[in-house]
Amino acid sequence: MRGTAPDGTVYEVGGRDDAPAVVLIHGLGMTRSTWDQHVPVLSEHFRVIRYDLTGHGETPPSTDTPDLTMFAEQCISLIDELGVESAALVGFSLGGMINRRIAIDHPGRVSALAILNSPHERGAEAQRLVEERAEASAAGGPAATIDATLERWFTAGFRATEPAYVNTIRSWVLANDTDVYAQNRWVLANGVIELINPEPPITAPTLVMTCENDSGSTPEMSHSIASEIPNAEVVIVPGRQHLGLLEDPHAFTQPLLSFLKKHHQTERP
């Protein structure tokens, strides 16, 4: 089912209506189609909700300057609209910052949390590089950094063998409005500061995943995130970069499904 919420959020719902809800939150510059390869498996066990973030895909931008709280409230409004009391929140990159913000602000609405390839506290040099990319986006829009971005996101072998797929991802990013993309990039650059040592602490069962060679959401960052959340689990996918989620979807879907079936009960075995 495809729909549009009163605030303009475009969403899709699939899977079993009687099953626990799982909400999929994509990353910066992307769309709900990020999850195309994961939804079929998850939908066998859960009610799966995915949507375009404000200012992404088919969802129009807000008149307010974006921040993590704005994105968090978008998600809460959507699950309210769909009659969902609590859900497992699966967030990729910026989405993994948004779902942490929700878990801090609305703990009763979060039954489980999966944080995928999401940044955390950076060193001074890494923070400088992220801010430089945000400044380049402000000056030249998504096109100013897209080639370097795709090199960070996909392995060289995948870029060589799957150019059509990589160009599809390129088209998603380039479709973003220049000003909105620049604002959202600043959220990615600076939003992690408010998530360090979360207060109140995050208490939902949590899975933290990233890829071995993700330079912006490193294994060290994933372990740091997990260290601040009691009993959080960590999975590091070998060999991949930031978009291992798309390059090797099975490597993410299987640990994610195992985690959700353990902590987000469903009737079907």
Protein backbone atom coordinates (compact mmCIF):
# COMPACT_ATOMS: atom_id res chain seq x y z
CA MET A 1 0.00 0.00 0.00
CA ARG A 2 1.29 3.43 -0.94
CA GLY A 3 0.01 6.54 0.76
CA THR A 4 0.65 10.17 1.61
CA ALA A 5 0.37 11.36 5.21
CA PRO A 6 -1.24 14.72 6.09
CA ASP A 7 2.22 16.33 6.40
CA GLY A 8 3.13 15.22 2.85
CA THR A 9 5.22 12.19 3.82
CA VAL A 10 5.04 9.57 1.08
CA TYR A 11 5.18 6.03 2.44
CA GLU A 12 4.64 2.37 1.63
CA VAL A 13 3.34 -0.39 3.87
CA GLY A 14 3.77 -4.08 3.15
CA GLY A 15 3.84 -7.42 4.88
CA ARG A 16 1.38 -8.79 7.41
CA ASP A 17 -1.17 -6.41 8.89
CA ASP A 18 -1.31 -8.47 12.10
CA ALA A 19 2.47 -8.51 12.60
CA PRO A 20 4.72 -6.22 14.65
CA ALA A 21 5.72 -3.08 12.79
CA VAL A 22 9.21 -2.39 11.45
CA VAL A 23 9.98 1.11 10.17
CA LEU A 24 12.82 1.54 7.66
CA ILE A 25 14.55 4.95 7.60
CA HIS A 26 16.90 5.71 4.71
CA GLY A 27 19.99 7.91 4.56
CA LEU A 28 20.99 11.34 3.30
CA GLY A 29 20.07 12.09 -0.30
CA MET A 30 18.39 8.75 -0.85
CA THR A 31 14.80 7.46 -0.92
CA ARG A 32 12.61 4.70 0.46
CA SER A 33 13.75 2.59 -2.51
CA THR A 34 16.96 2.03 -0.52
CA TRP A 35 15.11 -0.90 1.03
CA ASP A 36 13.84 -2.59 -2.15
CA GLN A 37 16.07 -5.63 -1.69
CA HIS A 38 15.30 -6.03 2.01
CA VAL A 39 11.54 -5.59 2.12
CA PRO A 40 10.60 -8.99 0.59
CA VAL A 41 12.40 -10.91 3.35
CA LEU A 42 11.27 -8.67 6.21
CA SER A 43 7.69 -8.66 4.95
CA GLU A 44 7.40 -12.40 5.48
CA HIS A 45 7.48 -11.77 9.22
CA PHE A 46 6.60 -8.13 9.88
CA ARG A 47 4.44 -5.20 8.90
CA VAL A 48 7.04 -3.14 7.05
CA ILE A 49 6.76 0.64 6.76
CA ARG A 50 9.16 2.69 4.68
CA TYR A 51 8.96 6.33 3.71
CA ASP A 52 10.79 9.25 2.12
CA LEU A 53 12.36 11.60 4.62
CA THR A 54 11.30 15.24 4.52
CA GLY A 55 12.93 16.85 1.48
CA HIS A 56 13.85 13.50 -0.07
CA GLY A 57 12.25 11.43 -2.83
CA GLU A 58 8.58 12.30 -3.15
CA THR A 59 8.23 13.98 0.25
CA PRO A 60 8.39 17.79 0.04
CA PRO A 61 10.81 19.78 2.20
CA SER A 62 9.77 21.53 5.37
CA THR A 63 9.67 25.29 5.72
CA ASP A 64 11.73 24.83 8.91
CA THR A 65 15.48 24.33 8.97
CA PRO A 66 15.98 20.58 9.27
CA ASP A 67 17.46 18.93 12.33
CA LEU A 68 17.27 15.50 13.93
CA THR A 69 14.23 16.45 15.99
CA MET A 70 12.30 17.47 12.87
CA PHE A 71 13.07 14.14 11.22
CA ALA A 72 12.23 12.26 14.41
CA GLU A 73 8.84 13.95 14.68
CA GLN A 74 8.13 13.10 11.03
CA CYS A 75 8.49 9.42 11.87
CA ILE A 76 6.36 9.67 15.00
CA SER A 77 3.63 11.48 13.05
CA LEU A 78 3.68 8.74 10.43
CA ILE A 79 3.31 5.86 12.84
CA ASP A 80 0.56 7.81 14.62
CA GLU A 81 -1.22 8.15 11.27
CA LEU A 82 -0.87 4.39 10.71
CA GLY A 83 -2.08 3.48 14.20
CA VAL A 84 1.23 1.98 15.33
CA GLU A 85 1.87 2.20 19.06
CA SER A 86 5.45 0.96 18.96
CA ALA A 87 7.79 -0.26 16.25
CA ALA A 88 11.27 -1.54 15.59
CA LEU A 89 13.18 1.28 13.92
CA VAL A 90 15.84 0.38 11.36
CA GLY A 91 17.90 3.39 10.32
CA PHE A 92 20.70 3.63 7.77
CA SER A 93 23.34 6.38 8.08
CA LEU A 94 21.36 9.59 8.73
CA GLY A 95 18.45 7.26 9.44
CA GLY A 96 20.52 5.67 12.21
CA MET A 97 20.88 9.10 13.77
CA ILE A 98 17.15 9.78 13.43
CA ASN A 99 16.13 6.52 15.08
CA ARG A 100 18.49 7.22 18.00
CA ARG A 101 16.87 10.64 18.41
CA ILE A 102 13.46 8.94 18.49
CA ALA A 103 14.65 6.37 21.03
CA ILE A 104 15.84 9.18 23.30
CA ASP A 105 12.76 11.38 22.92
CA HIS A 106 10.04 8.72 22.57
CA PRO A 107 11.34 5.54 24.25
CA GLY A 108 7.87 4.08 24.63
CA ARG A 109 7.39 4.06 20.87
CA VAL A 110 10.54 2.02 20.14
CA SER A 111 10.47 -1.74 20.67
CA ALA A 112 13.87 -2.39 19.07
CA LEU A 113 16.56 -0.37 17.32
CA ALA A 114 18.87 -1.22 14.43
CA ILE A 115 21.56 1.36 13.66
CA LEU A 116 23.21 0.68 10.30
CA ASN A 117 26.36 2.40 8.98
CA SER A 118 25.67 5.44 11.11
CA PRO A 119 28.28 7.94 12.33
CA HIS A 120 29.15 8.76 15.89
CA GLU A 121 31.73 10.95 17.60
CA ARG A 122 34.47 11.84 15.12
CA GLY A 123 38.02 12.92 15.62
CA ALA A 124 38.94 16.49 14.74
CA GLU A 125 40.29 15.61 11.29
CA ALA A 126 37.28 13.46 10.35
CA GLN A 127 34.91 16.17 11.55
CA ARG A 128 36.78 18.74 9.43
CA LEU A 129 36.38 16.57 6.32
CA VAL A 130 32.66 16.07 6.91
CA GLU A 131 32.14 19.80 7.34
CA GLU A 132 34.14 20.52 4.18
CA ARG A 133 31.82 18.20 2.23
CA ALA A 134 28.84 19.99 3.68
CA GLU A 135 30.29 23.32 2.59
CA ALA A 136 30.94 21.96 -0.92
CA SER A 137 27.32 20.80 -1.11
CA ALA A 138 26.14 24.24 -0.06
CA ALA A 139 28.18 25.80 -2.83
CA GLY A 140 27.55 23.36 -5.66
CA GLY A 141 24.73 21.04 -4.66
CA PRO A 142 24.85 17.23 -4.74
CA ALA A 143 26.77 17.20 -8.03
CA ALA A 144 29.75 18.90 -6.39
CA THR A 145 30.63 15.82 -4.35
CA ILE A 146 28.83 12.93 -6.05
CA ASP A 147 31.84 11.21 -7.64
CA ALA A 148 33.83 11.16 -4.42
CA THR A 149 30.71 10.10 -2.55
CA LEU A 150 30.12 7.08 -4.76
CA GLU A 151 33.77 6.06 -4.37
CA ARG A 152 33.29 6.07 -0.60
CA TRP A 153 29.96 4.26 -0.81
CA PHE A 154 30.76 1.34 -3.14
CA THR A 155 33.82 -0.87 -3.55
CA ALA A 156 35.83 -0.43 -6.74
CA GLY A 157 34.88 -3.92 -7.91
CA PHE A 158 31.17 -3.23 -7.55
CA ARG A 159 31.44 0.10 -9.35
CA ALA A 160 33.19 -1.68 -12.22
CA THR A 161 30.74 -4.58 -12.55
CA GLU A 162 27.46 -2.82 -11.70
CA PRO A 163 27.68 0.64 -13.33
CA ALA A 164 23.95 0.80 -14.09
CA TYR A 165 23.05 0.22 -10.45
CA VAL A 166 25.61 2.76 -9.24
CA ASN A 167 24.19 5.28 -11.72
CA THR A 168 20.73 4.67 -10.28
CA ILE A 169 22.01 5.68 -6.85
CA ARG A 170 23.72 8.67 -8.47
CA SER A 171 20.37 9.74 -9.95
CA TRP A 172 18.68 9.56 -6.54
CA VAL A 173 21.24 11.89 -5.02
CA LEU A 174 21.32 14.31 -7.93
CA ALA A 175 17.53 14.62 -7.80
CA ASN A 176 17.78 16.41 -4.45
CA ASP A 177 17.14 20.14 -4.28
CA THR A 178 20.47 21.93 -3.91
CA ASP A 179 19.56 24.03 -0.87
CA VAL A 180 17.67 21.28 0.92
CA TYR A 181 20.46 18.78 0.35
CA ALA A 182 23.00 21.20 1.76
CA GLN A 183 20.89 21.75 4.88
CA ASN A 184 20.43 18.03 5.38
CA ARG A 185 24.14 17.45 4.96
CA TRP A 186 24.77 19.79 7.88
CA VAL A 187 22.41 17.64 9.97
CA LEU A 188 24.55 14.61 9.12
CA ALA A 189 27.73 16.55 9.89
CA ASN A 190 26.75 18.02 13.24
CA GLY A 191 23.81 15.98 14.53
CA VAL A 192 26.01 13.28 16.06
CA ILE A 193 27.03 15.68 18.81
CA GLU A 194 23.60 15.47 20.44
CA LEU A 195 23.67 11.65 20.34
CA ILE A 196 26.91 11.05 22.25
CA ASN A 197 26.27 9.48 25.68
CA PRO A 198 22.50 9.78 25.18
CA GLU A 199 20.49 11.24 28.02
CA PRO A 200 18.18 9.68 28.97
CA PRO A 201 19.97 6.46 28.03
CA ILE A 202 18.63 4.34 25.18
CA THR A 203 17.13 1.17 26.66
CA ALA A 204 15.60 -0.58 23.62
CA PRO A 205 17.25 -3.79 22.39
CA THR A 206 19.79 -2.54 19.87
CA LEU A 207 21.76 -3.91 16.94
CA VAL A 208 24.62 -1.78 15.57
CA MET A 209 26.06 -2.69 12.16
CA THR A 210 28.55 -1.21 9.76
CA CYS A 211 31.06 -2.33 7.16
CA GLU A 212 34.74 -3.01 7.64
CA ASN A 213 35.80 -0.31 5.17
CA ASP A 214 33.16 2.34 5.82
CA SER A 215 35.32 5.44 6.29
CA GLY A 216 32.50 7.67 7.54
CA SER A 217 30.73 5.20 9.84
CA THR A 218 33.63 3.12 10.99
CA PRO A 219 33.67 -0.10 13.02
CA GLU A 220 35.16 1.93 15.86
CA MET A 221 32.14 4.24 15.75
CA SER A 222 29.75 1.28 15.83
CA HIS A 223 31.49 -0.14 18.88
CA SER A 224 31.33 3.31 20.51
CA ILE A 225 27.59 3.57 19.84
CA ALA A 226 27.08 0.09 21.29
CA SER A 227 29.15 0.89 24.37
CA GLU A 228 26.65 3.62 25.27
CA ILE A 229 23.58 1.35 24.97
CA PRO A 230 23.20 -1.54 27.47
CA ASN A 231 23.53 -5.01 25.90
CA ALA A 232 23.74 -3.66 22.33
CA GLU A 233 24.94 -6.16 19.72
CA VAL A 234 27.54 -5.30 17.06
CA VAL A 235 27.98 -6.84 13.61
CA ILE A 236 30.76 -5.76 11.24
CA VAL A 237 30.31 -6.76 7.59
CA PRO A 238 33.70 -7.61 6.06
CA GLY A 239 35.05 -6.01 2.91
CA ARG A 240 32.26 -3.55 2.10
CA GLN A 241 32.07 0.23 2.31
CA HIS A 242 29.26 2.61 3.24
CA LEU A 243 26.61 1.16 0.93
CA GLY A 244 27.26 -2.47 1.73
CA LEU A 245 23.54 -2.44 2.51
CA LEU A 246 22.91 -2.26 -1.24
CA GLU A 247 26.04 -3.95 -2.54
CA ASP A 248 25.52 -7.05 -0.37
CA PRO A 249 21.95 -6.91 0.97
CA HIS A 250 21.99 -10.49 2.30
CA ALA A 251 24.85 -9.59 4.65
CA PHE A 252 22.51 -7.11 6.33
CA THR A 253 19.11 -8.72 5.98
CA GLN A 254 20.04 -11.98 7.69
CA PRO A 255 21.56 -10.49 10.89
CA LEU A 256 18.77 -7.93 10.96
CA LEU A 257 16.07 -10.57 10.59
CA SER A 258 17.66 -12.73 13.29
CA PHE A 259 17.82 -9.74 15.65
CA LEU A 260 14.24 -8.67 14.99
CA LYS A 261 12.85 -12.18 15.42
CA LYS A 262 14.66 -12.39 18.76
CA HIS A 263 13.64 -8.99 20.13
CA HIS A 264 10.52 -8.06 18.16
CA GLN A 265 8.33 -11.12 18.42
CA THR A 266 6.22 -12.37 15.55
CA GLU A 267 3.71 -15.19 15.34
CA ARG A 268 5.32 -16.89 12.36
CA PRO A 269 8.47 -18.94 13.13
